[in-house]
């Protein structure tokens, strides 16, 4: 068995374009116009300070100079936004590269050889070479690896046995619970039988069954009559109208109130009378 270890190095070249400070952080000034005198705006503006290479440290501590509104280039705003967008994209790319470098470092640590271990000697020990000039550490490593593998196999078997035993225990507990419920039911049944050992006389049983039967018949008739009464009340309420209380009509107090049928007859009579009046009025005109 040949062990081959390969190391990989990742390099990332990232060029960041940092815009100038005066271009990014200078406040934007709105242009102003003077209709009377165009030259007065140039005279009122303060003189601009020149940026020199020797005064780079003073620029960090002093506020940026105001810009001339007339000389301000509005086209540079789009360039600033484009530079900011490009800068954010480059920062995201750098973050991805750092994450990839971290993964490669972990991979290199995983494949790093064990210190003090000879690969060729380990291969001879694993293959069982005839030459017995191995280091005792290599032989010990091989034996420990074999023991570890056997221990892992035994642990897996014990875990499978434990899972089967836990399932069996759950099943037995469920069966025990069912048996206890059946036992309680049987005890209640025996208790009921013990209480009902004395037989009752036959005439009392026949005497009790007749009233019960009559009571059931009367109860059924009462429920049917109650349903019919509700239906009748609903039909009567539709005929009389919702504005007329049904209790007064049933008690006889609402004798002066007309039902819906009477109102319909009266309305028909009024319609006929109005039609005759219309005919009599139109007859002389013709």
C-alpha atoms as a PDB file:
ATOM      1  CA  UNK A   1       0.000   0.000   0.000  1.00  0.00           C
ATOM      2  CA  UNK A   2       1.481   3.348  -1.115  1.00  0.00           C
ATOM      3  CA  UNK A   3       0.647   6.494   0.836  1.00  0.00           C
ATOM      4  CA  UNK A   4       0.949   9.689  -1.166  1.00  0.00           C
ATOM      5  CA  UNK A   5       0.629  13.039   0.573  1.00  0.00           C
ATOM      6  CA  UNK A   6       0.134  16.113  -1.555  1.00  0.00           C
ATOM      7  CA  UNK A   7       0.122  19.663  -0.283  1.00  0.00           C
ATOM      8  CA  UNK A   8      -1.771  22.378  -2.087  1.00  0.00           C
ATOM      9  CA  UNK A   9      -1.124  26.075  -1.744  1.00  0.00           C
ATOM     10  CA  UNK A  10      -3.704  28.620  -2.762  1.00  0.00           C
ATOM     11  CA  UNK A  11      -2.753  32.177  -3.564  1.00  0.00           C
ATOM     12  CA  UNK A  12      -5.221  34.921  -4.328  1.00  0.00           C
ATOM     13  CA  UNK A  13      -4.269  38.189  -6.002  1.00  0.00           C
ATOM     14  CA  UNK A  14      -6.834  40.847  -5.223  1.00  0.00           C
ATOM     15  CA  UNK A  15      -6.386  44.436  -6.352  1.00  0.00           C
ATOM     16  CA  UNK A  16      -8.574  46.950  -4.555  1.00  0.00           C
ATOM     17  CA  UNK A  17      -9.079  50.353  -6.040  1.00  0.00           C
ATOM     18  CA  UNK A  18      -9.577  52.823  -3.233  1.00  0.00           C
ATOM     19  CA  UNK A  19     -10.988  56.139  -4.462  1.00  0.00           C
ATOM     20  CA  UNK A  20      -9.507  59.362  -3.257  1.00  0.00           C
ATOM     21  CA  UNK A  21     -10.767  60.817  -0.011  1.00  0.00           C
ATOM     22  CA  UNK A  22     -11.695  64.175  -1.409  1.00  0.00           C
ATOM     23  CA  UNK A  23     -13.797  62.561  -4.118  1.00  0.00           C
ATOM     24  CA  UNK A  24     -15.697  60.225  -1.803  1.00  0.00           C
ATOM     25  CA  UNK A  25     -16.114  62.238   1.381  1.00  0.00           C
ATOM     26  CA  UNK A  26     -16.441  65.783   0.044  1.00  0.00           C
ATOM     27  CA  UNK A  27     -19.908  67.227   0.717  1.00  0.00           C
ATOM     28  CA  UNK A  28     -22.068  67.799  -2.306  1.00  0.00           C
ATOM     29  CA  UNK A  29     -22.936  71.472  -2.866  1.00  0.00           C
ATOM     30  CA  UNK A  30     -25.935  72.594  -4.855  1.00  0.00           C
ATOM     31  CA  UNK A  31     -25.077  75.031  -7.675  1.00  0.00           C
ATOM     32  CA  UNK A  32     -26.329  78.597  -7.327  1.00  0.00           C
ATOM     33  CA  UNK A  33     -26.952  81.173 -10.047  1.00  0.00           C
ATOM     34  CA  UNK A  34     -27.046  84.941  -9.893  1.00  0.00           C
ATOM     35  CA  UNK A  35     -29.134  86.590 -12.570  1.00  0.00           C
ATOM     36  CA  UNK A  36     -27.811  90.121 -11.980  1.00  0.00           C
ATOM     37  CA  UNK A  37     -24.046  89.620 -11.931  1.00  0.00           C
ATOM     38  CA  UNK A  38     -22.263  86.469 -13.104  1.00  0.00           C
ATOM     39  CA  UNK A  39     -18.860  87.646 -11.874  1.00  0.00           C
ATOM     40  CA  UNK A  40     -20.003  88.268  -8.284  1.00  0.00           C
ATOM     41  CA  UNK A  41     -20.223  84.517  -7.572  1.00  0.00           C
ATOM     42  CA  UNK A  42     -16.556  84.049  -8.422  1.00  0.00           C
ATOM     43  CA  UNK A  43     -15.478  86.881  -6.151  1.00  0.00           C
ATOM     44  CA  UNK A  44     -17.510  85.701  -3.142  1.00  0.00           C
ATOM     45  CA  UNK A  45     -16.155  82.155  -3.141  1.00  0.00           C
ATOM     46  CA  UNK A  46     -13.268  81.421  -0.724  1.00  0.00           C
ATOM     47  CA  UNK A  47      -9.940  80.382  -2.284  1.00  0.00           C
ATOM     48  CA  UNK A  48      -9.433  76.648  -2.755  1.00  0.00           C
ATOM     49  CA  UNK A  49      -6.571  74.955  -0.878  1.00  0.00           C
ATOM     50  CA  UNK A  50      -4.221  72.877  -2.953  1.00  0.00           C
ATOM     51  CA  UNK A  51      -3.492  69.293  -1.929  1.00  0.00           C
ATOM     52  CA  UNK A  52       0.196  68.506  -1.653  1.00  0.00           C
ATOM     53  CA  UNK A  53       1.874  65.173  -0.915  1.00  0.00           C
ATOM     54  CA  UNK A  54       3.541  66.550   2.242  1.00  0.00           C
ATOM     55  CA  UNK A  55       0.210  67.614   3.813  1.00  0.00           C
ATOM     56  CA  UNK A  56      -1.429  64.140   3.702  1.00  0.00           C
ATOM     57  CA  UNK A  57      -1.389  63.861   7.497  1.00  0.00           C
ATOM     58  CA  UNK A  58      -3.088  67.260   7.948  1.00  0.00           C
ATOM     59  CA  UNK A  59      -5.924  66.210   5.619  1.00  0.00           C
ATOM     60  CA  UNK A  60      -6.908  63.419   8.001  1.00  0.00           C
ATOM     61  CA  UNK A  61      -7.432  65.819  10.897  1.00  0.00           C
ATOM     62  CA  UNK A  62      -8.934  68.794   9.029  1.00  0.00           C
ATOM     63  CA  UNK A  63     -12.388  68.935   7.400  1.00  0.00           C
ATOM     64  CA  UNK A  64     -12.445  68.760   3.606  1.00  0.00           C
ATOM     65  CA  UNK A  65     -12.449  72.115   1.794  1.00  0.00           C
ATOM     66  CA  UNK A  66     -15.714  73.308   0.252  1.00  0.00           C
ATOM     67  CA  UNK A  67     -16.156  72.750  -3.442  1.00  0.00           C
ATOM     68  CA  UNK A  68     -16.889  75.360  -6.028  1.00  0.00           C
ATOM     69  CA  UNK A  69     -20.490  74.781  -7.201  1.00  0.00           C
ATOM     70  CA  UNK A  70     -19.696  76.119 -10.634  1.00  0.00           C
ATOM     71  CA  UNK A  71     -16.676  73.846 -11.038  1.00  0.00           C
ATOM     72  CA  UNK A  72     -18.308  70.740  -9.501  1.00  0.00           C
ATOM     73  CA  UNK A  73     -18.561  67.850 -11.939  1.00  0.00           C
ATOM     74  CA  UNK A  74     -21.925  66.161 -11.508  1.00  0.00           C
ATOM     75  CA  UNK A  75     -20.866  63.300 -13.784  1.00  0.00           C
ATOM     76  CA  UNK A  76     -18.549  62.037 -11.044  1.00  0.00           C
ATOM     77  CA  UNK A  77     -21.485  60.963  -8.842  1.00  0.00           C
ATOM     78  CA  UNK A  78     -22.156  57.978 -11.074  1.00  0.00           C
ATOM     79  CA  UNK A  79     -18.463  57.061 -10.985  1.00  0.00           C
ATOM     80  CA  UNK A  80     -18.515  57.162  -7.177  1.00  0.00           C
ATOM     81  CA  UNK A  81     -21.510  54.852  -7.044  1.00  0.00           C
ATOM     82  CA  UNK A  82     -19.855  52.477  -9.510  1.00  0.00           C
ATOM     83  CA  UNK A  83     -16.680  52.445  -7.399  1.00  0.00           C
ATOM     84  CA  UNK A  84     -18.670  51.724  -4.240  1.00  0.00           C
ATOM     85  CA  UNK A  85     -20.461  48.834  -5.955  1.00  0.00           C
ATOM     86  CA  UNK A  86     -17.164  47.455  -7.251  1.00  0.00           C
ATOM     87  CA  UNK A  87     -15.645  47.774  -3.777  1.00  0.00           C
ATOM     88  CA  UNK A  88     -18.519  45.788  -2.206  1.00  0.00           C
ATOM     89  CA  UNK A  89     -18.122  43.058  -4.850  1.00  0.00           C
ATOM     90  CA  UNK A  90     -14.382  42.844  -4.157  1.00  0.00           C
ATOM     91  CA  UNK A  91     -14.991  42.611  -0.410  1.00  0.00           C
ATOM     92  CA  UNK A  92     -17.411  39.714  -0.978  1.00  0.00           C
ATOM     93  CA  UNK A  93     -14.814  37.991  -3.189  1.00  0.00           C
ATOM     94  CA  UNK A  94     -12.151  38.406  -0.489  1.00  0.00           C
ATOM     95  CA  UNK A  95     -14.515  36.891   2.071  1.00  0.00           C
ATOM     96  CA  UNK A  96     -15.067  33.853  -0.173  1.00  0.00           C
ATOM     97  CA  UNK A  97     -11.322  33.456  -0.677  1.00  0.00           C
ATOM     98  CA  UNK A  98     -10.713  33.576   3.081  1.00  0.00           C
ATOM     99  CA  UNK A  99     -13.343  30.889   3.641  1.00  0.00           C
ATOM    100  CA  UNK A 100     -11.739  28.710   0.949  1.00  0.00           C
ATOM    101  CA  UNK A 101      -8.266  29.201   2.463  1.00  0.00           C
ATOM    102  CA  UNK A 102      -9.608  28.124   5.880  1.00  0.00           C
ATOM    103  CA  UNK A 103     -11.025  24.932   4.365  1.00  0.00           C
ATOM    104  CA  UNK A 104      -7.704  24.173   2.662  1.00  0.00           C
ATOM    105  CA  UNK A 105      -5.841  24.700   5.938  1.00  0.00           C
ATOM    106  CA  UNK A 106      -8.124  22.197   7.656  1.00  0.00           C
ATOM    107  CA  UNK A 107      -7.546  19.751   4.802  1.00  0.00           C
ATOM    108  CA  UNK A 108      -3.772  20.137   5.101  1.00  0.00           C
ATOM    109  CA  UNK A 109      -3.946  19.521   8.838  1.00  0.00           C
ATOM    110  CA  UNK A 110      -5.988  16.368   8.212  1.00  0.00           C
ATOM    111  CA  UNK A 111      -3.508  14.874   5.715  1.00  0.00           C
ATOM    112  CA  UNK A 112      -0.423  15.928   7.671  1.00  0.00           C
ATOM    113  CA  UNK A 113       1.714  12.825   8.493  1.00  0.00           C
ATOM    114  CA  UNK A 114       2.078  11.604  12.058  1.00  0.00           C
ATOM    115  CA  UNK A 115       5.430  12.688  13.529  1.00  0.00           C
ATOM    116  CA  UNK A 116       7.815   9.794  14.165  1.00  0.00           C
ATOM    117  CA  UNK A 117       6.029   7.413  11.762  1.00  0.00           C
ATOM    118  CA  UNK A 118       7.900   5.892   8.816  1.00  0.00           C
ATOM    119  CA  UNK A 119       5.517   5.197   5.943  1.00  0.00           C
ATOM    120  CA  UNK A 120       7.665   2.447   4.394  1.00  0.00           C
ATOM    121  CA  UNK A 121       8.100   0.673   7.709  1.00  0.00           C
ATOM    122  CA  UNK A 122       4.366   0.874   8.361  1.00  0.00           C
ATOM    123  CA  UNK A 123       3.691  -0.644   4.946  1.00  0.00           C
ATOM    124  CA  UNK A 124       6.067  -3.536   5.725  1.00  0.00           C
ATOM    125  CA  UNK A 125       4.317  -4.136   9.032  1.00  0.00           C
ATOM    126  CA  UNK A 126       0.885  -4.145   7.407  1.00  0.00           C
ATOM    127  CA  UNK A 127       1.979  -6.469   4.597  1.00  0.00           C
ATOM    128  CA  UNK A 128       3.895  -8.758   6.956  1.00  0.00           C
ATOM    129  CA  UNK A 129       7.373  -8.553   5.448  1.00  0.00           C
ATOM    130  CA  UNK A 130       9.954 -11.195   6.361  1.00  0.00           C
ATOM    131  CA  UNK A 131      12.580  -8.689   7.477  1.00  0.00           C
ATOM    132  CA  UNK A 132      12.126  -8.079  11.187  1.00  0.00           C
ATOM    133  CA  UNK A 133      13.848  -4.724  11.632  1.00  0.00           C
ATOM    134  CA  UNK A 134      10.771  -2.706  12.449  1.00  0.00           C
ATOM    135  CA  UNK A 135      10.543  -0.011  15.037  1.00  0.00           C
ATOM    136  CA  UNK A 136       8.581  -1.012  18.123  1.00  0.00           C
ATOM    137  CA  UNK A 137       6.485   2.150  17.788  1.00  0.00           C
ATOM    138  CA  UNK A 138       5.283   1.165  14.322  1.00  0.00           C
ATOM    139  CA  UNK A 139       4.322  -2.309  15.503  1.00  0.00           C
ATOM    140  CA  UNK A 140       2.539  -0.806  18.491  1.00  0.00           C
ATOM    141  CA  UNK A 141       0.597   1.559  16.234  1.00  0.00           C
ATOM    142  CA  UNK A 142      -0.544  -1.324  14.039  1.00  0.00           C
ATOM    143  CA  UNK A 143      -1.643  -3.392  17.034  1.00  0.00           C
ATOM    144  CA  UNK A 144      -3.472  -0.453  18.561  1.00  0.00           C
ATOM    145  CA  UNK A 145      -5.222   0.197  15.250  1.00  0.00           C
ATOM    146  CA  UNK A 146      -6.360  -3.441  15.094  1.00  0.00           C
ATOM    147  CA  UNK A 147      -7.586  -3.304  18.683  1.00  0.00           C
ATOM    148  CA  UNK A 148      -9.424  -0.059  17.986  1.00  0.00           C
ATOM    149  CA  UNK A 149     -11.143  -1.594  14.963  1.00  0.00           C
ATOM    150  CA  UNK A 150     -12.182  -4.661  16.978  1.00  0.00           C
ATOM    151  CA  UNK A 151     -13.450  -2.421  19.776  1.00  0.00           C
ATOM    152  CA  UNK A 152     -15.510  -0.392  17.296  1.00  0.00           C
ATOM    153  CA  UNK A 153     -17.032  -3.578  15.863  1.00  0.00           C
ATOM    154  CA  UNK A 154     -17.884  -4.827  19.357  1.00  0.00           C
ATOM    155  CA  UNK A 155     -19.366  -1.437  20.264  1.00  0.00           C
ATOM    156  CA  UNK A 156     -21.565  -1.509  17.161  1.00  0.00           C
ATOM    157  CA  UNK A 157     -22.818  -4.990  18.043  1.00  0.00           C
ATOM    158  CA  UNK A 158     -23.590  -3.945  21.610  1.00  0.00           C
ATOM    159  CA  UNK A 159     -25.464  -0.881  20.363  1.00  0.00           C
ATOM    160  CA  UNK A 160     -27.590  -3.043  18.075  1.00  0.00           C
ATOM    161  CA  UNK A 161     -28.272  -5.446  20.956  1.00  0.00           C
ATOM    162  CA  UNK A 162     -29.201  -2.552  23.218  1.00  0.00           C
ATOM    163  CA  UNK A 163     -31.618  -1.179  20.611  1.00  0.00           C
ATOM    164  CA  UNK A 164     -33.278  -4.596  20.288  1.00  0.00           C
ATOM    165  CA  UNK A 165     -33.492  -4.951  24.066  1.00  0.00           C
ATOM    166  CA  UNK A 166     -35.062  -1.505  24.450  1.00  0.00           C
ATOM    167  CA  UNK A 167     -37.687  -2.388  21.844  1.00  0.00           C
ATOM    168  CA  UNK A 168     -38.409  -5.665  23.612  1.00  0.00           C
ATOM    169  CA  UNK A 169     -38.732  -3.842  26.958  1.00  0.00           C
ATOM    170  CA  UNK A 170     -41.211  -1.373  25.463  1.00  0.00           C
ATOM    171  CA  UNK A 171     -43.280  -4.235  24.047  1.00  0.00           C
ATOM    172  CA  UNK A 172     -43.304  -6.057  27.398  1.00  0.00           C
ATOM    173  CA  UNK A 173     -44.349  -2.884  29.205  1.00  0.00           C
ATOM    174  CA  UNK A 174     -47.226  -2.438  26.774  1.00  0.00           C
ATOM    175  CA  UNK A 175     -48.324  -6.042  27.287  1.00  0.00           C
ATOM    176  CA  UNK A 176     -48.124  -5.580  31.066  1.00  0.00           C
ATOM    177  CA  UNK A 177     -50.304  -2.474  30.848  1.00  0.00           C
ATOM    178  CA  UNK A 178     -52.897  -4.333  28.769  1.00  0.00           C
ATOM    179  CA  UNK A 179     -52.887  -7.223  31.247  1.00  0.00           C
ATOM    180  CA  UNK A 180     -53.440  -4.843  34.164  1.00  0.00           C
ATOM    181  CA  UNK A 181     -56.396  -3.232  32.378  1.00  0.00           C
ATOM    182  CA  UNK A 182     -57.955  -6.634  31.672  1.00  0.00           C
ATOM    183  CA  UNK A 183     -57.443  -7.620  35.314  1.00  0.00           C
ATOM    184  CA  UNK A 184     -59.214  -4.474  36.533  1.00  0.00           C
ATOM    185  CA  UNK A 185     -62.110  -5.073  34.151  1.00  0.00           C
ATOM    186  CA  UNK A 186     -62.475  -8.654  35.379  1.00  0.00           C
ATOM    187  CA  UNK A 187     -62.428  -7.489  39.013  1.00  0.00           C
ATOM    188  CA  UNK A 188     -65.196  -4.952  38.327  1.00  0.00           C
ATOM    189  CA  UNK A 189     -67.250  -7.619  36.554  1.00  0.00           C
ATOM    190  CA  UNK A 190     -66.860 -10.030  39.492  1.00  0.00           C
ATOM    191  CA  UNK A 191     -67.853  -7.279  41.915  1.00  0.00           C
ATOM    192  CA  UNK A 192     -71.013  -6.553  39.920  1.00  0.00           C
ATOM    193  CA  UNK A 193     -71.910 -10.250  39.837  1.00  0.00           C
ATOM    194  CA  UNK A 194     -71.413 -10.506  43.584  1.00  0.00           C
ATOM    195  CA  UNK A 195     -73.764  -7.583  44.174  1.00  0.00           C
ATOM    196  CA  UNK A 196     -76.461  -9.054  41.932  1.00  0.00           C
ATOM    197  CA  UNK A 197     -76.528 -12.570  43.421  1.00  0.00           C
ATOM    198  CA  UNK A 198     -80.054 -12.189  44.969  1.00  0.00           C
ATOM    199  CA  UNK A 199     -82.703 -12.760  42.281  1.00  0.00           C
ATOM    200  CA  UNK A 200     -85.606 -10.319  42.182  1.00  0.00           C
ATOM    201  CA  UNK A 201     -89.256 -11.545  42.055  1.00  0.00           C
ATOM    202  CA  UNK A 202     -90.750 -11.995  38.596  1.00  0.00           C
ATOM    203  CA  UNK A 203     -93.895  -9.990  39.268  1.00  0.00           C
ATOM    204  CA  UNK A 204     -91.891  -6.919  40.215  1.00  0.00           C
ATOM    205  CA  UNK A 205     -89.927  -7.160  36.968  1.00  0.00           C
ATOM    206  CA  UNK A 206     -93.107  -7.334  34.871  1.00  0.00           C
ATOM    207  CA  UNK A 207     -94.668  -4.524  36.878  1.00  0.00           C
ATOM    208  CA  UNK A 208     -91.667  -2.278  36.275  1.00  0.00           C
ATOM    209  CA  UNK A 209     -91.417  -2.954  32.552  1.00  0.00           C
ATOM    210  CA  UNK A 210     -94.989  -1.811  31.755  1.00  0.00           C
ATOM    211  CA  UNK A 211     -94.624   1.782  33.094  1.00  0.00           C
ATOM    212  CA  UNK A 212     -91.247   2.103  31.481  1.00  0.00           C
ATOM    213  CA  UNK A 213     -92.686   1.122  28.117  1.00  0.00           C
ATOM    214  CA  UNK A 214     -95.565   3.592  28.484  1.00  0.00           C
ATOM    215  CA  UNK A 215     -93.137   6.299  29.514  1.00  0.00           C
ATOM    216  CA  UNK A 216     -91.025   5.701  26.403  1.00  0.00           C
ATOM    217  CA  UNK A 217     -94.109   5.848  24.155  1.00  0.00           C
ATOM    218  CA  UNK A 218     -95.289   9.082  25.749  1.00  0.00           C
ATOM    219  CA  UNK A 219     -91.818  10.588  25.479  1.00  0.00           C
ATOM    220  CA  UNK A 220     -91.670   9.794  21.750  1.00  0.00           C
ATOM    221  CA  UNK A 221     -95.139  11.295  21.202  1.00  0.00           C
ATOM    222  CA  UNK A 222     -94.209  14.408  23.178  1.00  0.00           C
ATOM    223  CA  UNK A 223     -91.086  14.977  21.096  1.00  0.00           C
ATOM    224  CA  UNK A 224     -93.081  14.540  17.859  1.00  0.00           C
ATOM    225  CA  UNK A 225     -95.746  16.992  19.052  1.00  0.00           C
ATOM    226  CA  UNK A 226     -93.089  19.518  20.063  1.00  0.00           C
ATOM    227  CA  UNK A 227     -91.579  19.344  16.581  1.00  0.00           C
ATOM    228  CA  UNK A 228     -95.010  19.800  14.963  1.00  0.00           C
ATOM    229  CA  UNK A 229     -95.757  22.745  17.252  1.00  0.00           C
ATOM    230  CA  UNK A 230     -92.549  24.497  16.238  1.00  0.00           C
ATOM    231  CA  UNK A 231     -93.343  23.968  12.559  1.00  0.00           C
ATOM    232  CA  UNK A 232     -96.874  25.339  13.057  1.00  0.00           C
ATOM    233  CA  UNK A 233     -95.574  28.397  14.887  1.00  0.00           C
ATOM    234  CA  UNK A 234     -93.087  29.133  12.118  1.00  0.00           C
ATOM    235  CA  UNK A 235     -95.786  28.797   9.436  1.00  0.00           C
ATOM    236  CA  UNK A 236     -98.180  31.024  11.403  1.00  0.00           C
ATOM    237  CA  UNK A 237     -95.485  33.641  11.902  1.00  0.00           C
ATOM    238  CA  UNK A 238     -94.865  33.724   8.141  1.00  0.00           C
ATOM    239  CA  UNK A 239     -98.563  34.233   7.490  1.00  0.00           C
ATOM    240  CA  UNK A 240     -99.068  36.929  10.118  1.00  0.00           C
ATOM    241  CA  UNK A 241     -95.775  38.725   9.642  1.00  0.00           C
ATOM    242  CA  UNK A 242     -92.731  39.338  11.772  1.00  0.00           C
ATOM    243  CA  UNK A 243     -94.062  42.649  13.126  1.00  0.00           C
ATOM    244  CA  UNK A 244     -97.097  41.004  14.764  1.00  0.00           C
ATOM    245  CA  UNK A 245     -96.398  39.225  18.093  1.00  0.00           C
ATOM    246  CA  UNK A 246     -97.599  35.655  17.851  1.00  0.00           C
ATOM    247  CA  UNK A 247     -98.405  35.366  21.565  1.00  0.00           C
ATOM    248  CA  UNK A 248    -101.095  38.081  21.399  1.00  0.00           C
ATOM    249  CA  UNK A 249    -102.851  36.361  18.506  1.00  0.00           C
ATOM    250  CA  UNK A 250    -102.815  33.005  20.282  1.00  0.00           C
ATOM    251  CA  UNK A 251    -104.143  34.559  23.513  1.00  0.00           C
ATOM    252  CA  UNK A 252    -106.982  36.325  21.641  1.00  0.00           C
ATOM    253  CA  UNK A 253    -105.838  39.848  22.571  1.00  0.00           C
ATOM    254  CA  UNK A 254    -104.881  40.814  19.049  1.00  0.00           C
ATOM    255  CA  UNK A 255    -108.406  40.526  17.598  1.00  0.00           C
ATOM    256  CA  UNK A 256    -108.189  43.881  15.797  1.00  0.00           C
ATOM    257  CA  UNK A 257    -105.082  42.902  13.869  1.00  0.00           C
ATOM    258  CA  UNK A 258    -105.513  41.494  10.431  1.00  0.00           C
ATOM    259  CA  UNK A 259    -103.611  38.568   9.077  1.00  0.00           C
ATOM    260  CA  UNK A 260    -101.697  38.514   5.854  1.00  0.00           C
ATOM    261  CA  UNK A 261    -104.572  36.951   3.914  1.00  0.00           C
ATOM    262  CA  UNK A 262    -106.957  39.705   5.026  1.00  0.00           C
ATOM    263  CA  UNK A 263    -104.425  42.373   4.111  1.00  0.00           C
ATOM    264  CA  UNK A 264    -104.046  40.868   0.639  1.00  0.00           C
ATOM    265  CA  UNK A 265    -107.843  40.902   0.099  1.00  0.00           C
ATOM    266  CA  UNK A 266    -108.077  44.535   1.215  1.00  0.00           C
ATOM    267  CA  UNK A 267    -105.197  45.558  -1.027  1.00  0.00           C
ATOM    268  CA  UNK A 268    -106.824  43.840  -4.007  1.00  0.00           C
ATOM    269  CA  UNK A 269    -110.051  45.732  -3.319  1.00  0.00           C
ATOM    270  CA  UNK A 270    -108.178  49.033  -3.151  1.00  0.00           C
ATOM    271  CA  UNK A 271    -106.435  48.268  -6.445  1.00  0.00           C
ATOM    272  CA  UNK A 272    -109.754  47.564  -8.159  1.00  0.00           C
ATOM    273  CA  UNK A 273    -111.233  50.779  -6.756  1.00  0.00           C
ATOM    274  CA  UNK A 274    -108.286  52.806  -7.987  1.00  0.00           C
ATOM    275  CA  UNK A 275    -108.562  51.238 -11.428  1.00  0.00           C
ATOM    276  CA  UNK A 276    -112.261  52.221 -11.623  1.00  0.00           C
ATOM    277  CA  UNK A 277    -111.417  55.790 -10.572  1.00  0.00           C
ATOM    278  CA  UNK A 278    -108.779  56.014 -13.264  1.00  0.00           C
ATOM    279  CA  UNK A 279    -111.223  54.756 -15.886  1.00  0.00           C
ATOM    280  CA  UNK A 280    -113.881  57.290 -14.838  1.00  0.00           C
ATOM    281  CA  UNK A 281    -111.351  60.148 -14.966  1.00  0.00           C
ATOM    282  CA  UNK A 282    -110.041  59.215 -18.381  1.00  0.00           C
ATOM    283  CA  UNK A 283    -113.544  58.673 -19.904  1.00  0.00           C
ATOM    284  CA  UNK A 284    -114.653  62.418 -20.038  1.00  0.00           C
ATOM    285  CA  UNK A 285    -111.316  63.470 -21.474  1.00  0.00           C
ATOM    286  CA  UNK A 286    -111.680  61.154 -24.442  1.00  0.00           C
END
